[in-house]
Structure formats: C-alpha cells, structure tokens
Protein backbone atom coordinates (compact mmCIF):
# COMPACT_ATOMS: atom_id res chain seq x y z
CA MET A 1 -78.90 -57.13 1.77
CA ALA A 2 -75.30 -56.92 0.55
CA LEU A 3 -73.32 -53.68 0.80
CA HIS A 4 -72.94 -53.69 -2.99
CA ASP A 5 -76.74 -53.57 -3.35
CA ILE A 6 -76.99 -50.79 -0.76
CA ALA A 7 -74.29 -48.83 -2.63
CA GLN A 8 -76.21 -49.17 -5.91
CA GLY A 9 -79.35 -47.83 -4.23
CA ILE A 10 -77.43 -44.89 -2.78
CA SER A 11 -75.94 -44.12 -6.21
CA LYS A 12 -79.43 -43.92 -7.69
CA GLU A 13 -80.51 -41.56 -4.89
CA LEU A 14 -77.44 -39.34 -5.43
CA GLN A 15 -78.27 -38.69 -9.09
CA GLY A 16 -79.05 -35.03 -9.53
CA LYS A 17 -77.91 -34.15 -6.00
CA SER A 18 -74.64 -32.51 -5.08
CA PHE A 19 -72.47 -33.79 -2.26
CA ALA A 20 -69.14 -32.05 -1.80
CA GLY A 21 -66.44 -34.07 -0.09
CA SER A 22 -66.17 -37.77 0.56
CA LEU A 23 -67.67 -39.97 3.23
CA LYS A 24 -67.13 -43.58 4.28
CA PHE A 25 -69.67 -45.85 5.93
CA ASP A 26 -67.41 -48.37 7.68
CA CYS A 27 -69.37 -51.51 8.52
CA GLY A 28 -66.34 -53.37 9.88
CA SER A 29 -65.92 -56.90 8.53
CA ASP A 30 -69.00 -56.44 6.30
CA GLY A 31 -67.12 -53.82 4.24
CA VAL A 32 -67.41 -50.14 3.39
CA ILE A 33 -69.48 -47.81 1.23
CA ILE A 34 -67.73 -44.69 -0.06
CA LEU A 35 -69.74 -41.63 -1.14
CA ALA A 36 -67.66 -39.41 -3.42
CA ASN A 37 -67.98 -37.62 -6.74
CA GLY A 38 -71.75 -38.17 -6.86
CA THR A 39 -71.54 -41.97 -6.62
CA ALA A 40 -71.38 -44.74 -4.04
CA SER A 41 -68.82 -47.53 -4.23
CA THR A 42 -67.61 -50.42 -2.10
CA THR A 43 -63.94 -49.84 -2.91
CA ASP A 44 -62.17 -48.67 0.24
CA ARG A 45 -60.13 -45.45 0.20
CA ASP A 46 -59.34 -42.47 2.41
CA THR A 47 -62.23 -40.03 2.86
CA ASP A 48 -62.93 -36.68 4.53
CA CYS A 49 -65.23 -38.30 7.09
CA THR A 50 -65.83 -41.85 8.37
CA ILE A 51 -68.97 -43.14 10.03
CA LYS A 52 -68.50 -46.50 11.77
CA LEU A 53 -71.69 -48.48 12.25
CA SER A 54 -73.17 -51.93 11.73
CA GLN A 55 -74.73 -52.85 8.40
CA ASP A 56 -78.08 -53.15 10.18
CA ASN A 57 -77.77 -49.62 11.57
CA LEU A 58 -76.70 -48.35 8.13
CA LEU A 59 -79.95 -49.66 6.66
CA LYS A 60 -81.91 -48.05 9.50
CA LEU A 61 -80.08 -44.74 8.97
CA LEU A 62 -80.74 -44.73 5.22
CA THR A 63 -84.42 -45.61 5.61
CA GLY A 64 -85.07 -43.01 8.30
CA LYS A 65 -85.55 -45.54 11.10
CA LEU A 66 -82.43 -44.30 12.92
CA ASN A 67 -81.99 -40.60 13.61
CA PRO A 68 -78.29 -39.68 13.10
CA MET A 69 -78.06 -37.63 16.31
CA THR A 70 -79.77 -40.34 18.35
CA GLY A 71 -77.44 -42.92 16.80
CA VAL A 72 -74.39 -40.95 17.88
CA MET A 73 -75.75 -40.38 21.40
CA MET A 74 -76.53 -44.11 21.78
CA GLY A 75 -73.13 -45.16 20.43
CA LYS A 76 -74.59 -46.82 17.34
CA LEU A 77 -72.67 -44.40 15.08
CA LYS A 78 -69.10 -43.22 15.56
CA ILE A 79 -68.04 -40.26 13.44
CA SER A 80 -64.43 -39.30 12.77
CA GLY A 81 -62.91 -36.72 10.44
CA ASP A 82 -64.64 -33.66 9.00
CA MET A 83 -67.90 -33.13 10.89
CA ALA A 84 -69.11 -30.65 8.24
CA THR A 85 -69.12 -33.50 5.71
CA ALA A 86 -71.14 -35.66 8.10
CA MET A 87 -73.67 -32.83 8.52
CA LYS A 88 -74.11 -32.63 4.73
CA LEU A 89 -75.19 -36.26 4.74
CA GLY A 90 -78.24 -35.31 6.79
CA LYS A 91 -79.43 -33.08 3.96
CA LEU A 92 -79.02 -35.91 1.45
CA ILE A 93 -80.93 -38.55 3.39
CA GLY A 94 -83.27 -36.22 5.27
C-alpha cells in the first residue's frame, strides 16, 4: 500500500475528530505522512513531533497490531519533538 493511500485513509478517519498540533510519520525513503489541521498529507514540512518508523510498522500501528509503547520499547518507533503531541495520537487511533 502506498503512503498516499494510507494518508487518504487517515484523512477519512480524522473527519469529525480534533487533533491539535502537527505530527509527522517519517518512513525514511518511502516518504512521510503529515497530520495537521485535521488532514493527512504526504507533503513534507516541519511538525511539532516526528515518529520515525518503517511503512510496515506504520500500517501495524494504525491497525492496532503494534502497541505504540511496545513499539518504542522495541525500537520500532523513534519519537522526537513534542511528546504531548505524540500522546494525543494514541487517543485518535486507540
């Protein structure tokens, strides 16, 4: 699944939900997904928080097959920037 398709799915899920701040899923050479202003996009920009992970682990995270805390502990997710923004993500996908 392409990151563009994943971003479209996230945008649909964000409709009607509030998410203050901005967050980047950085999948390295596969690209990025930016959550900001109630939408998801694949256009890179600076964000409040960055989560570095593989595209495979991103899919697992979004489908509930990868617990965020377990992912961090196992080194599958690396979080930088505003941790409060990262914690808000758990409420969106939880």
